[in-house]
Amino acid sequence: MTTLALVADLMFGSKIAATARAHGIDYRGARSLEGLRTSTAVPRLVLVDLEAELPDGDPLDAVTEALEREPRPRVIAFAGHLQVERLEQARRAGADLVLSRGGLAGRLEAIFAELATST
């Protein structure tokens, strides 16, 4: 089971990776849209940092592209709590769950525990 993540903050990305691995979930990080596109992983979960400064596009495109993957993964988008418009754009794009960065941090254990027990 794999999680694919586009996360700008290396420290936060490390926290996500450690939590995923603690639940037996393979974590793969990407730093660009191309990195997400060319990943050979078949993720059950895609995490998208809406504030990531990408060399090749807008992180909102990662939400849209993740939703088009087969099989379709769960897509969680996040940004700082003051990024109200970005968070709303992710909702409109169809992300399954849209959270503030702090909201995601507080729910990481539950998200990965649920993912680890789902089939």
PDB file of N, CA and C in Angstrom:
ATOM      1  N   MET A   1       0.852  -1.171   0.000  1.00  0.00           N
ATOM      2  CA  MET A   1       0.000   0.000   0.000  1.00  0.00           C
ATOM      3  C   MET A   1       0.900   1.237   0.000  1.00  0.00           C
ATOM      4  N   THR A   2       0.581   2.196  -0.849  1.00  0.00           N
ATOM      5  CA  THR A   2       1.459   3.349  -1.054  1.00  0.00           C
ATOM      6  C   THR A   2       0.715   4.665  -0.896  1.00  0.00           C
ATOM      7  N   THR A   3       1.433   5.628  -0.326  1.00  0.00           N
ATOM      8  CA  THR A   3       0.990   7.012  -0.290  1.00  0.00           C
ATOM      9  C   THR A   3       1.957   7.809  -1.150  1.00  0.00           C
ATOM     10  N   LEU A   4       1.424   8.620  -2.027  1.00  0.00           N
ATOM     11  CA  LEU A   4       2.212   9.499  -2.876  1.00  0.00           C
ATOM     12  C   LEU A   4       1.937  10.918  -2.399  1.00  0.00           C
ATOM     13  N   ALA A   5       3.001  11.685  -2.148  1.00  0.00           N
ATOM     14  CA  ALA A   5       2.808  13.011  -1.571  1.00  0.00           C
ATOM     15  C   ALA A   5       3.626  14.073  -2.279  1.00  0.00           C
ATOM     16  N   LEU A   6       2.996  15.199  -2.491  1.00  0.00           N
ATOM     17  CA  LEU A   6       3.640  16.391  -3.004  1.00  0.00           C
ATOM     18  C   LEU A   6       3.651  17.367  -1.837  1.00  0.00           C
ATOM     19  N   VAL A   7       4.797  17.475  -1.171  1.00  0.00           N
ATOM     20  CA  VAL A   7       4.901  18.274   0.045  1.00  0.00           C
ATOM     21  C   VAL A   7       6.127  19.176  -0.058  1.00  0.00           C
ATOM     22  N   ALA A   8       5.926  20.476   0.122  1.00  0.00           N
ATOM     23  CA  ALA A   8       7.020  21.438  -0.014  1.00  0.00           C
ATOM     24  C   ALA A   8       7.924  21.472   1.215  1.00  0.00           C
ATOM     25  N   ASP A   9       7.360  21.411   2.382  1.00  0.00           N
ATOM     26  CA  ASP A   9       8.107  21.540   3.633  1.00  0.00           C
ATOM     27  C   ASP A   9       8.756  20.196   3.977  1.00  0.00           C
ATOM     28  N   LEU A  10      10.083  20.152   3.943  1.00  0.00           N
ATOM     29  CA  LEU A  10      10.794  18.895   4.188  1.00  0.00           C
ATOM     30  C   LEU A  10      10.538  18.336   5.585  1.00  0.00           C
ATOM     31  N   MET A  11      10.435  19.199   6.575  1.00  0.00           N
ATOM     32  CA  MET A  11      10.175  18.729   7.937  1.00  0.00           C
ATOM     33  C   MET A  11       8.778  18.109   8.036  1.00  0.00           C
ATOM     34  N   PHE A  12       7.801  18.769   7.454  1.00  0.00           N
ATOM     35  CA  PHE A  12       6.441  18.238   7.487  1.00  0.00           C
ATOM     36  C   PHE A  12       6.359  16.953   6.658  1.00  0.00           C
ATOM     37  N   GLY A  13       7.051  16.935   5.529  1.00  0.00           N
ATOM     38  CA  GLY A  13       7.102  15.733   4.716  1.00  0.00           C
ATOM     39  C   GLY A  13       7.710  14.562   5.473  1.00  0.00           C
ATOM     40  N   SER A  14       8.733  14.842   6.269  1.00  0.00           N
ATOM     41  CA  SER A  14       9.360  13.798   7.088  1.00  0.00           C
ATOM     42  C   SER A  14       8.395  13.270   8.139  1.00  0.00           C
ATOM     43  N   LYS A  15       7.600  14.165   8.711  1.00  0.00           N
ATOM     44  CA  LYS A  15       6.604  13.740   9.702  1.00  0.00           C
ATOM     45  C   LYS A  15       5.554  12.839   9.047  1.00  0.00           C
ATOM     46  N   ILE A  16       5.104  13.223   7.875  1.00  0.00           N
ATOM     47  CA  ILE A  16       4.115  12.416   7.154  1.00  0.00           C
ATOM     48  C   ILE A  16       4.717  11.051   6.812  1.00  0.00           C
ATOM     49  N   ALA A  17       5.950  11.057   6.296  1.00  0.00           N
ATOM     50  CA  ALA A  17       6.613   9.806   5.916  1.00  0.00           C
ATOM     51  C   ALA A  17       6.770   8.885   7.117  1.00  0.00           C
ATOM     52  N   ALA A  18       7.197   9.420   8.242  1.00  0.00           N
ATOM     53  CA  ALA A  18       7.398   8.602   9.442  1.00  0.00           C
ATOM     54  C   ALA A  18       6.081   8.009   9.928  1.00  0.00           C
ATOM     55  N   THR A  19       5.027   8.786   9.875  1.00  0.00           N
ATOM     56  CA  THR A  19       3.717   8.296  10.310  1.00  0.00           C
ATOM     57  C   THR A  19       3.218   7.207   9.370  1.00  0.00           C
ATOM     58  N   ALA A  20       3.385   7.406   8.074  1.00  0.00           N
ATOM     59  CA  ALA A  20       2.975   6.385   7.099  1.00  0.00           C
ATOM     60  C   ALA A  20       3.741   5.088   7.340  1.00  0.00           C
ATOM     61  N   ARG A  21       5.039   5.185   7.464  1.00  0.00           N
ATOM     62  CA  ARG A  21       5.870   3.989   7.642  1.00  0.00           C
ATOM     63  C   ARG A  21       5.572   3.278   8.959  1.00  0.00           C
ATOM     64  N   ALA A  22       5.221   4.033   9.984  1.00  0.00           N
ATOM     65  CA  ALA A  22       4.866   3.423  11.272  1.00  0.00           C
ATOM     66  C   ALA A  22       3.620   2.547  11.142  1.00  0.00           C
ATOM     67  N   HIS A  23       2.816   2.830  10.133  1.00  0.00           N
ATOM     68  CA  HIS A  23       1.605   2.043   9.880  1.00  0.00           C
ATOM     69  C   HIS A  23       1.809   1.032   8.760  1.00  0.00           C
ATOM     70  N   GLY A  24       3.067   0.839   8.335  1.00  0.00           N
ATOM     71  CA  GLY A  24       3.368  -0.142   7.304  1.00  0.00           C
ATOM     72  C   GLY A  24       3.016   0.301   5.902  1.00  0.00           C
ATOM     73  N   ILE A  25       2.930   1.595   5.692  1.00  0.00           N
ATOM     74  CA  ILE A  25       2.544   2.143   4.397  1.00  0.00           C
ATOM     75  C   ILE A  25       3.770   2.727   3.712  1.00  0.00           C
ATOM     76  N   ASP A  26       3.975   2.344   2.464  1.00  0.00           N
ATOM     77  CA  ASP A  26       5.072   2.872   1.660  1.00  0.00           C
ATOM     78  C   ASP A  26       4.785   4.338   1.358  1.00  0.00           C
ATOM     79  N   TYR A  27       5.783   5.194   1.585  1.00  0.00           N
ATOM     80  CA  TYR A  27       5.645   6.628   1.346  1.00  0.00           C
ATOM     81  C   TYR A  27       6.564   7.014   0.200  1.00  0.00           C
ATOM     82  N   ARG A  28       6.009   7.697  -0.790  1.00  0.00           N
ATOM     83  CA  ARG A  28       6.818   8.212  -1.897  1.00  0.00           C
ATOM     84  C   ARG A  28       6.545   9.700  -2.034  1.00  0.00           C
ATOM     85  N   GLY A  29       7.593  10.476  -1.982  1.00  0.00           N
ATOM     86  CA  GLY A  29       7.463  11.918  -2.104  1.00  0.00           C
ATOM     87  C   GLY A  29       7.825  12.394  -3.496  1.00  0.00           C
ATOM     88  N   ALA A  30       7.255  13.506  -3.894  1.00  0.00           N
ATOM     89  CA  ALA A  30       7.557  14.133  -5.179  1.00  0.00           C
ATOM     90  C   ALA A  30       7.721  15.627  -4.946  1.00  0.00           C
ATOM     91  N   ARG A  31       8.541  16.255  -5.777  1.00  0.00           N
ATOM     92  CA  ARG A  31       8.777  17.690  -5.646  1.00  0.00           C
ATOM     93  C   ARG A  31       8.313  18.459  -6.886  1.00  0.00           C
ATOM     94  N   SER A  32       7.607  17.755  -7.787  1.00  0.00           N
ATOM     95  CA  SER A  32       7.125  18.387  -9.008  1.00  0.00           C
ATOM     96  C   SER A  32       5.928  17.597  -9.546  1.00  0.00           C
ATOM     97  N   LEU A  33       5.196  18.228 -10.451  1.00  0.00           N
ATOM     98  CA  LEU A  33       4.090  17.522 -11.115  1.00  0.00           C
ATOM     99  C   LEU A  33       4.635  16.358 -11.928  1.00  0.00           C
ATOM    100  N   GLU A  34       5.754  16.571 -12.591  1.00  0.00           N
ATOM    101  CA  GLU A  34       6.353  15.501 -13.382  1.00  0.00           C
ATOM    102  C   GLU A  34       6.726  14.311 -12.494  1.00  0.00           C
ATOM    103  N   GLY A  35       7.207  14.590 -11.286  1.00  0.00           N
ATOM    104  CA  GLY A  35       7.523  13.519 -10.352  1.00  0.00           C
ATOM    105  C   GLY A  35       6.297  12.703  -9.978  1.00  0.00           C
ATOM    106  N   LEU A  36       5.171  13.374  -9.822  1.00  0.00           N
ATOM    107  CA  LEU A  36       3.919  12.659  -9.547  1.00  0.00           C
ATOM    108  C   LEU A  36       3.486  11.848 -10.763  1.00  0.00           C
ATOM    109  N   ARG A  37       3.587  12.457 -11.928  1.00  0.00           N
ATOM    110  CA  ARG A  37       3.131  11.808 -13.165  1.00  0.00           C
ATOM    111  C   ARG A  37       3.936  10.557 -13.492  1.00  0.00           C
ATOM    112  N   THR A  38       5.224  10.611 -13.250  1.00  0.00           N
ATOM    113  CA  THR A  38       6.083   9.501 -13.658  1.00  0.00           C
ATOM    114  C   THR A  38       6.289   8.459 -12.566  1.00  0.00           C
ATOM    115  N   SER A  39       5.712   8.671 -11.421  1.00  0.00           N
ATOM    116  CA  SER A  39       5.840   7.679 -10.356  1.00  0.00           C
ATOM    117  C   SER A  39       5.183   6.377 -10.786  1.00  0.00           C
ATOM    118  N   THR A  40       5.875   5.291 -10.557  1.00  0.00           N
ATOM    119  CA  THR A  40       5.322   3.981 -10.903  1.00  0.00           C
ATOM    120  C   THR A  40       4.427   3.441  -9.790  1.00  0.00           C
ATOM    121  N   ALA A  41       4.352   4.168  -8.700  1.00  0.00           N
ATOM    122  CA  ALA A  41       3.509   3.747  -7.572  1.00  0.00           C
ATOM    123  C   ALA A  41       2.041   3.765  -7.968  1.00  0.00           C
ATOM    124  N   VAL A  42       1.284   2.872  -7.355  1.00  0.00           N
ATOM    125  CA  VAL A  42      -0.172   2.861  -7.487  1.00  0.00           C
ATOM    126  C   VAL A  42      -0.697   3.252  -6.107  1.00  0.00           C
ATOM    127  N   PRO A  43      -0.821   4.562  -5.874  1.00  0.00           N
ATOM    128  CA  PRO A  43      -1.151   5.016  -4.523  1.00  0.00           C
ATOM    129  C   PRO A  43      -2.611   4.809  -4.137  1.00  0.00           C
ATOM    130  N   ARG A  44      -2.813   4.506  -2.869  1.00  0.00           N
ATOM    131  CA  ARG A  44      -4.161   4.483  -2.303  1.00  0.00           C
ATOM    132  C   ARG A  44      -4.521   5.876  -1.792  1.00  0.00           C
ATOM    133  N   LEU A  45      -3.483   6.675  -1.497  1.00  0.00           N
ATOM    134  CA  LEU A  45      -3.670   8.022  -0.970  1.00  0.00           C
ATOM    135  C   LEU A  45      -2.685   8.954  -1.659  1.00  0.00           C
ATOM    136  N   VAL A  46      -3.171  10.130  -2.061  1.00  0.00           N
ATOM    137  CA  VAL A  46      -2.313  11.183  -2.602  1.00  0.00           C
ATOM    138  C   VAL A  46      -2.520  12.417  -1.735  1.00  0.00           C
ATOM    139  N   LEU A  47      -1.421  12.941  -1.217  1.00  0.00           N
ATOM    140  CA  LEU A  47      -1.439  14.159  -0.411  1.00  0.00           C
ATOM    141  C   LEU A  47      -0.856  15.291  -1.241  1.00  0.00           C
ATOM    142  N   VAL A  48      -1.524  16.446  -1.251  1.00  0.00           N
ATOM    143  CA  VAL A  48      -1.070  17.573  -2.058  1.00  0.00           C
ATOM    144  C   VAL A  48      -0.985  18.832  -1.199  1.00  0.00           C
ATOM    145  N   ASP A  49       0.230  19.364  -1.123  1.00  0.00           N
ATOM    146  CA  ASP A  49       0.486  20.629  -0.441  1.00  0.00           C
ATOM    147  C   ASP A  49       0.162  21.740  -1.431  1.00  0.00           C
ATOM    148  N   LEU A  50      -0.914  22.442  -1.192  1.00  0.00           N
ATOM    149  CA  LEU A  50      -1.378  23.484  -2.112  1.00  0.00           C
ATOM    150  C   LEU A  50      -0.470  24.706  -2.138  1.00  0.00           C
ATOM    151  N   GLU A  51       0.461  24.786  -1.195  1.00  0.00           N
ATOM    152  CA  GLU A  51       1.392  25.916  -1.147  1.00  0.00           C
ATOM    153  C   GLU A  51       2.753  25.589  -1.745  1.00  0.00           C
ATOM    154  N   ALA A  52       2.910  24.395  -2.261  1.00  0.00           N
ATOM    155  CA  ALA A  52       4.192  23.993  -2.837  1.00  0.00           C
ATOM    156  C   ALA A  52       4.506  24.861  -4.057  1.00  0.00           C
ATOM    157  N   GLU A  53       5.729  25.335  -4.123  1.00  0.00           N
ATOM    158  CA  GLU A  53       6.192  26.078  -5.297  1.00  0.00           C
ATOM    159  C   GLU A  53       6.854  25.067  -6.219  1.00  0.00           C
ATOM    160  N   LEU A  54       6.161  24.748  -7.293  1.00  0.00           N
ATOM    161  CA  LEU A  54       6.622  23.708  -8.199  1.00  0.00           C
ATOM    162  C   LEU A  54       7.338  24.305  -9.398  1.00  0.00           C
ATOM    163  N   PRO A  55       8.331  23.584  -9.937  1.00  0.00           N
ATOM    164  CA  PRO A  55       9.034  24.088 -11.116  1.00  0.00           C
ATOM    165  C   PRO A  55       8.220  23.924 -12.404  1.00  0.00           C
ATOM    166  N   ASP A  56       7.120  23.168 -12.313  1.00  0.00           N
ATOM    167  CA  ASP A  56       6.403  22.830 -13.545  1.00  0.00           C
ATOM    168  C   ASP A  56       4.886  22.958 -13.442  1.00  0.00           C
ATOM    169  N   GLY A  57       4.403  23.841 -12.598  1.00  0.00           N
ATOM    170  CA  GLY A  57       2.960  24.053 -12.572  1.00  0.00           C
ATOM    171  C   GLY A  57       2.404  24.369 -11.206  1.00  0.00           C
ATOM    172  N   ASP A  58       1.105  24.273 -11.121  1.00  0.00           N
ATOM    173  CA  ASP A  58       0.344  24.608  -9.922  1.00  0.00           C
ATOM    174  C   ASP A  58      -0.014  23.320  -9.182  1.00  0.00           C
ATOM    175  N   PRO A  59       0.177  23.273  -7.868  1.00  0.00           N
ATOM    176  CA  PRO A  59      -0.166  22.068  -7.134  1.00  0.00           C
ATOM    177  C   PRO A  59      -1.647  21.679  -7.258  1.00  0.00           C
ATOM    178  N   LEU A  60      -2.496  22.630  -7.579  1.00  0.00           N
ATOM    179  CA  LEU A  60      -3.905  22.304  -7.787  1.00  0.00           C
ATOM    180  C   LEU A  60      -4.064  21.323  -8.962  1.00  0.00           C
ATOM    181  N   ASP A  61      -3.152  21.400  -9.928  1.00  0.00           N
ATOM    182  CA  ASP A  61      -3.163  20.436 -11.034  1.00  0.00           C
ATOM    183  C   ASP A  61      -2.896  19.023 -10.528  1.00  0.00           C
ATOM    184  N   ALA A  62      -2.121  18.900  -9.453  1.00  0.00           N
ATOM    185  CA  ALA A  62      -1.843  17.581  -8.874  1.00  0.00           C
ATOM    186  C   ALA A  62      -3.121  16.967  -8.316  1.00  0.00           C
ATOM    187  N   VAL A  63      -3.995  17.799  -7.756  1.00  0.00           N
ATOM    188  CA  VAL A  63      -5.280  17.303  -7.251  1.00  0.00           C
ATOM    189  C   VAL A  63      -6.076  16.733  -8.414  1.00  0.00           C
ATOM    190  N   THR A  64      -6.214  17.506  -9.467  1.00  0.00           N
ATOM    191  CA  THR A  64      -6.987  17.087 -10.637  1.00  0.00           C
ATOM    192  C   THR A  64      -6.412  15.815 -11.254  1.00  0.00           C
ATOM    193  N   GLU A  65      -5.102  15.773 -11.408  1.00  0.00           N
ATOM    194  CA  GLU A  65      -4.474  14.598 -12.020  1.00  0.00           C
ATOM    195  C   GLU A  65      -4.602  13.362 -11.128  1.00  0.00           C
ATOM    196  N   ALA A  66      -4.500  13.543  -9.832  1.00  0.00           N
ATOM    197  CA  ALA A  66      -4.650  12.400  -8.921  1.00  0.00           C
ATOM    198  C   ALA A  66      -6.051  11.818  -9.013  1.00  0.00           C
ATOM    199  N   LEU A  67      -7.042  12.680  -9.173  1.00  0.00           N
ATOM    200  CA  LEU A  67      -8.426  12.215  -9.281  1.00  0.00           C
ATOM    201  C   LEU A  67      -8.678  11.424 -10.567  1.00  0.00           C
ATOM    202  N   GLU A  68      -7.810  11.587 -11.549  1.00  0.00           N
ATOM    203  CA  GLU A  68      -7.962  10.885 -12.827  1.00  0.00           C
ATOM    204  C   GLU A  68      -7.213   9.553 -12.857  1.00  0.00           C
ATOM    205  N   ARG A  69      -6.442   9.255 -11.808  1.00  0.00           N
ATOM    206  CA  ARG A  69      -5.683   7.994 -11.780  1.00  0.00           C
ATOM    207  C   ARG A  69      -6.622   6.803 -11.662  1.00  0.00           C
ATOM    208  N   GLU A  70      -6.158   5.679 -12.213  1.00  0.00           N
ATOM    209  CA  GLU A  70      -6.886   4.417 -12.065  1.00  0.00           C
ATOM    210  C   GLU A  70      -5.956   3.397 -11.443  1.00  0.00           C
ATOM    211  N   PRO A  71      -6.317   2.745 -10.391  1.00  0.00           N
ATOM    212  CA  PRO A  71      -7.536   2.985  -9.621  1.00  0.00           C
ATOM    213  C   PRO A  71      -7.438   4.320  -8.896  1.00  0.00           C
ATOM    214  N   ARG A  72      -8.588   4.920  -8.676  1.00  0.00           N
ATOM    215  CA  ARG A  72      -8.640   6.260  -8.099  1.00  0.00           C
ATOM    216  C   ARG A  72      -8.248   6.237  -6.620  1.00  0.00           C
ATOM    217  N   PRO A  73      -7.220   7.019  -6.268  1.00  0.00           N
ATOM    218  CA  PRO A  73      -6.828   7.111  -4.866  1.00  0.00           C
ATOM    219  C   PRO A  73      -7.683   8.128  -4.111  1.00  0.00           C
ATOM    220  N   ARG A  74      -7.608   8.075  -2.814  1.00  0.00           N
ATOM    221  CA  ARG A  74      -8.187   9.139  -1.986  1.00  0.00           C
ATOM    222  C   ARG A  74      -7.229  10.320  -2.102  1.00  0.00           C
ATOM    223  N   VAL A  75      -7.766  11.524  -2.249  1.00  0.00           N
ATOM    224  CA  VAL A  75      -6.944  12.718  -2.432  1.00  0.00           C
ATOM    225  C   VAL A  75      -7.210  13.685  -1.279  1.00  0.00           C
ATOM    226  N   ILE A  76      -6.125  14.028  -0.586  1.00  0.00           N
ATOM    227  CA  ILE A  76      -6.203  14.994   0.508  1.00  0.00           C
ATOM    228  C   ILE A  76      -5.328  16.184   0.138  1.00  0.00           C
ATOM    229  N   ALA A  77      -5.930  17.359   0.124  1.00  0.00           N
ATOM    230  CA  ALA A  77      -5.208  18.598  -0.162  1.00  0.00           C
ATOM    231  C   ALA A  77      -5.126  19.413   1.126  1.00  0.00           C
ATOM    232  N   PHE A  78      -4.018  20.126   1.278  1.00  0.00           N
ATOM    233  CA  PHE A  78      -3.861  20.926   2.490  1.00  0.00           C
ATOM    234  C   PHE A  78      -3.052  22.189   2.209  1.00  0.00           C
ATOM    235  N   ALA A  79      -3.237  23.172   3.074  1.00  0.00           N
ATOM    236  CA  ALA A  79      -2.504  24.443   3.007  1.00  0.00           C
ATOM    237  C   ALA A  79      -2.632  25.114   4.362  1.00  0.00           C
ATOM    238  N   GLY A  80      -1.891  26.169   4.542  1.00  0.00           N
ATOM    239  CA  GLY A  80      -2.003  26.949   5.764  1.00  0.00           C
ATOM    240  C   GLY A  80      -3.420  27.463   5.949  1.00  0.00           C
ATOM    241  N   HIS A  81      -3.835  27.625   7.187  1.00  0.00           N
ATOM    242  CA  HIS A  81      -5.233  27.993   7.464  1.00  0.00           C
ATOM    243  C   HIS A  81      -5.631  29.355   6.892  1.00  0.00           C
ATOM    244  N   LEU A  82      -4.661  30.202   6.590  1.00  0.00           N
ATOM    245  CA  LEU A  82      -4.989  31.507   6.007  1.00  0.00           C
ATOM    246  C   LEU A  82      -5.182  31.440   4.490  1.00  0.00           C
ATOM    247  N   GLN A  83      -4.897  30.306   3.894  1.00  0.00           N
ATOM    248  CA  GLN A  83      -5.016  30.126   2.449  1.00  0.00           C
ATOM    249  C   GLN A  83      -6.434  29.692   2.069  1.00  0.00           C
ATOM    250  N   VAL A  84      -7.401  30.477   2.480  1.00  0.00           N
ATOM    251  CA  VAL A  84      -8.812  30.139   2.332  1.00  0.00           C
ATOM    252  C   VAL A  84      -9.187  29.889   0.870  1.00  0.00           C
ATOM    253  N   GLU A  85      -8.733  30.749  -0.032  1.00  0.00           N
ATOM    254  CA  GLU A  85      -9.082  30.596  -1.444  1.00  0.00           C
ATOM    255  C   GLU A  85      -8.473  29.329  -2.030  1.00  0.00           C
ATOM    256  N   ARG A  86      -7.217  29.020  -1.693  1.00  0.00           N
ATOM    257  CA  ARG A  86      -6.582  27.796  -2.198  1.00  0.00           C
ATOM    258  C   ARG A  86      -7.320  26.554  -1.694  1.00  0.00           C
ATOM    259  N   LEU A  87      -7.692  26.581  -0.433  1.00  0.00           N
ATOM    260  CA  LEU A  87      -8.423  25.449   0.132  1.00  0.00           C
ATOM    261  C   LEU A  87      -9.773  25.267  -0.572  1.00  0.00           C
ATOM    262  N   GLU A  88     -10.435  26.365  -0.846  1.00  0.00           N
ATOM    263  CA  GLU A  88     -11.715  26.306  -1.548  1.00  0.00           C
ATOM    264  C   GLU A  88     -11.538  25.811  -2.984  1.00  0.00           C
ATOM    265  N   GLN A  89     -10.468  26.217  -3.634  1.00  0.00           N
ATOM    266  CA  GLN A  89     -10.192  25.740  -4.994  1.00  0.00           C
ATOM    267  C   GLN A  89     -10.017  24.220  -5.001  1.00  0.00           C
ATOM    268  N   ALA A  90      -9.356  23.687  -3.995  1.00  0.00           N
ATOM    269  CA  ALA A  90      -9.164  22.231  -3.908  1.00  0.00           C
ATOM    270  C   ALA A  90     -10.497  21.524  -3.690  1.00  0.00           C
ATOM    271  N   ARG A  91     -11.369  22.108  -2.894  1.00  0.00           N
ATOM    272  CA  ARG A  91     -12.709  21.537  -2.704  1.00  0.00           C
ATOM    273  C   ARG A  91     -13.453  21.484  -4.029  1.00  0.00           C
ATOM    274  N   ARG A  92     -13.419  22.603  -4.742  1.00  0.00           N
ATOM    275  CA  ARG A  92     -14.103  22.671  -6.040  1.00  0.00           C
ATOM    276  C   ARG A  92     -13.489  21.707  -7.058  1.00  0.00           C
ATOM    277  N   ALA A  93     -12.199  21.454  -6.941  1.00  0.00           N
ATOM    278  CA  ALA A  93     -11.525  20.528  -7.862  1.00  0.00           C
ATOM    279  C   ALA A  93     -11.896  19.081  -7.569  1.00  0.00           C
ATOM    280  N   GLY A  94     -12.471  18.826  -6.393  1.00  0.00           N
ATOM    281  CA  GLY A  94     -12.934  17.478  -6.083  1.00  0.00           C
ATOM    282  C   GLY A  94     -12.116  16.695  -5.078  1.00  0.00           C
ATOM    283  N   ALA A  95     -11.166  17.344  -4.402  1.00  0.00           N
ATOM    284  CA  ALA A  95     -10.387  16.632  -3.384  1.00  0.00           C
ATOM    285  C   ALA A  95     -11.334  15.991  -2.377  1.00  0.00           C
ATOM    286  N   ASP A  96     -10.995  14.786  -1.949  1.00  0.00           N
ATOM    287  CA  ASP A  96     -11.844  14.060  -1.004  1.00  0.00           C
ATOM    288  C   ASP A  96     -11.871  14.714   0.369  1.00  0.00           C
ATOM    289  N   LEU A  97     -10.747  15.296   0.750  1.00  0.00           N
ATOM    290  CA  LEU A  97     -10.636  15.940   2.047  1.00  0.00           C
ATOM    291  C   LEU A  97      -9.713  17.132   1.882  1.00  0.00           C
ATOM    292  N   VAL A  98     -10.116  18.279   2.412  1.00  0.00           N
ATOM    293  CA  VAL A  98      -9.329  19.502   2.345  1.00  0.00           C
ATOM    294  C   VAL A  98      -9.142  19.992   3.769  1.00  0.00           C
ATOM    295  N   LEU A  99      -7.878  20.135   4.164  1.00  0.00           N
ATOM    296  CA  LEU A  99      -7.564  20.478   5.545  1.00  0.00           C
ATOM    297  C   LEU A  99      -6.526  21.587   5.611  1.00  0.00           C
ATOM    298  N   SER A 100      -6.520  22.280   6.730  1.00  0.00           N
ATOM    299  CA  SER A 100      -5.405  23.174   7.000  1.00  0.00           C
ATOM    300  C   SER A 100      -4.202  22.291   7.325  1.00  0.00           C
ATOM    301  N   ARG A 101      -3.019  22.845   7.244  1.00  0.00           N
ATOM    302  CA  ARG A 101      -1.807  22.090   7.570  1.00  0.00           C
ATOM    303  C   ARG A 101      -1.892  21.542   8.992  1.00  0.00           C
ATOM    304  N   GLY A 102      -2.348  22.371   9.923  1.00  0.00           N
ATOM    305  CA  GLY A 102      -2.501  21.923  11.307  1.00  0.00           C
ATOM    306  C   GLY A 102      -3.559  20.842  11.440  1.00  0.00           C
ATOM    307  N   GLY A 103      -4.631  20.961  10.670  1.00  0.00           N
ATOM    308  CA  GLY A 103      -5.679  19.939  10.685  1.00  0.00           C
ATOM    309  C   GLY A 103      -5.156  18.604  10.196  1.00  0.00           C
ATOM    310  N   LEU A 104      -4.326  18.639   9.162  1.00  0.00           N
ATOM    311  CA  LEU A 104      -3.730  17.399   8.667  1.00  0.00           C
ATOM    312  C   LEU A 104      -2.772  16.818   9.701  1.00  0.00           C
ATOM    313  N   ALA A 105      -1.950  17.662  10.285  1.00  0.00           N
ATOM    314  CA  ALA A 105      -0.998  17.189  11.294  1.00  0.00           C
ATOM    315  C   ALA A 105      -1.724  16.487  12.437  1.00  0.00           C
ATOM    316  N   GLY A 106      -2.854  17.043  12.845  1.00  0.00           N
ATOM    317  CA  GLY A 106      -3.623  16.455  13.933  1.00  0.00           C
ATOM    318  C   GLY A 106      -4.345  15.172  13.573  1.00  0.00           C
ATOM    319  N   ARG A 107      -4.507  14.908  12.275  1.00  0.00           N
ATOM    320  CA  ARG A 107      -5.247  13.722  11.834  1.00  0.00           C
ATOM    321  C   ARG A 107      -4.372  12.665  11.158  1.00  0.00           C
ATOM    322  N   LEU A 108      -3.064  12.903  11.076  1.00  0.00           N
ATOM    323  CA  LEU A 108      -2.189  11.959  10.378  1.00  0.00           C
ATOM    324  C   LEU A 108      -2.313  10.537  10.910  1.00  0.00           C
ATOM    325  N   GLU A 109      -2.248  10.390  12.227  1.00  0.00           N
ATOM    326  CA  GLU A 109      -2.340   9.043  12.819  1.00  0.00           C
ATOM    327  C   GLU A 109      -3.636   8.348  12.393  1.00  0.00           C
ATOM    328  N   ALA A 110      -4.742   9.051  12.504  1.00  0.00           N
ATOM    329  CA  ALA A 110      -6.039   8.460  12.167  1.00  0.00           C
ATOM    330  C   ALA A 110      -6.127   8.140  10.680  1.00  0.00           C
ATOM    331  N   ILE A 111      -5.626   9.022   9.834  1.00  0.00           N
ATOM    332  CA  ILE A 111      -5.678   8.803   8.385  1.00  0.00           C
ATOM    333  C   ILE A 111      -4.892   7.549   8.013  1.00  0.00           C
ATOM    334  N   PHE A 112      -3.673   7.422   8.537  1.00  0.00           N
ATOM    335  CA  PHE A 112      -2.856   6.268   8.172  1.00  0.00           C
ATOM    336  C   PHE A 112      -3.322   4.989   8.859  1.00  0.00           C
ATOM    337  N   ALA A 113      -3.868   5.095  10.054  1.00  0.00           N
ATOM    338  CA  ALA A 113      -4.416   3.911  10.701  1.00  0.00           C
ATOM    339  C   ALA A 113      -5.595   3.364   9.895  1.00  0.00           C
ATOM    340  N   GLU A 114      -6.453   4.257   9.438  1.00  0.00           N
ATOM    341  CA  GLU A 114      -7.595   3.838   8.607  1.00  0.00           C
ATOM    342  C   GLU A 114      -7.120   3.236   7.287  1.00  0.00           C
ATOM    343  N   LEU A 115      -6.145   3.883   6.665  1.00  0.00           N
ATOM    344  CA  LEU A 115      -5.623   3.380   5.397  1.00  0.00           C
ATOM    345  C   LEU A 115      -4.998   1.987   5.572  1.00  0.00           C
ATOM    346  N   ALA A 116      -4.292   1.793   6.661  1.00  0.00           N
ATOM    347  CA  ALA A 116      -3.615   0.509   6.896  1.00  0.00           C
ATOM    348  C   ALA A 116      -4.609  -0.631   7.109  1.00  0.00           C
ATOM    349  N   THR A 117      -5.779  -0.308   7.619  1.00  0.00           N
ATOM    350  CA  THR A 117      -6.764  -1.374   7.896  1.00  0.00           C
ATOM    351  C   THR A 117      -7.778  -1.543   6.778  1.00  0.00           C
ATOM    352  N   SER A 118      -7.761  -0.642   5.795  1.00  0.00           N
ATOM    353  CA  SER A 118      -8.728  -0.765   4.689  1.00  0.00           C
ATOM    354  C   SER A 118      -8.168  -1.700   3.620  1.00  0.00           C
ATOM    355  N   THR A 119      -9.057  -2.252   2.854  1.00  0.00           N
ATOM    356  CA  THR A 119      -8.609  -3.156   1.794  1.00  0.00           C
ATOM    357  C   THR A 119      -8.928  -2.611   0.440  1.00  0.00           C
TER     358      THR A 119
END
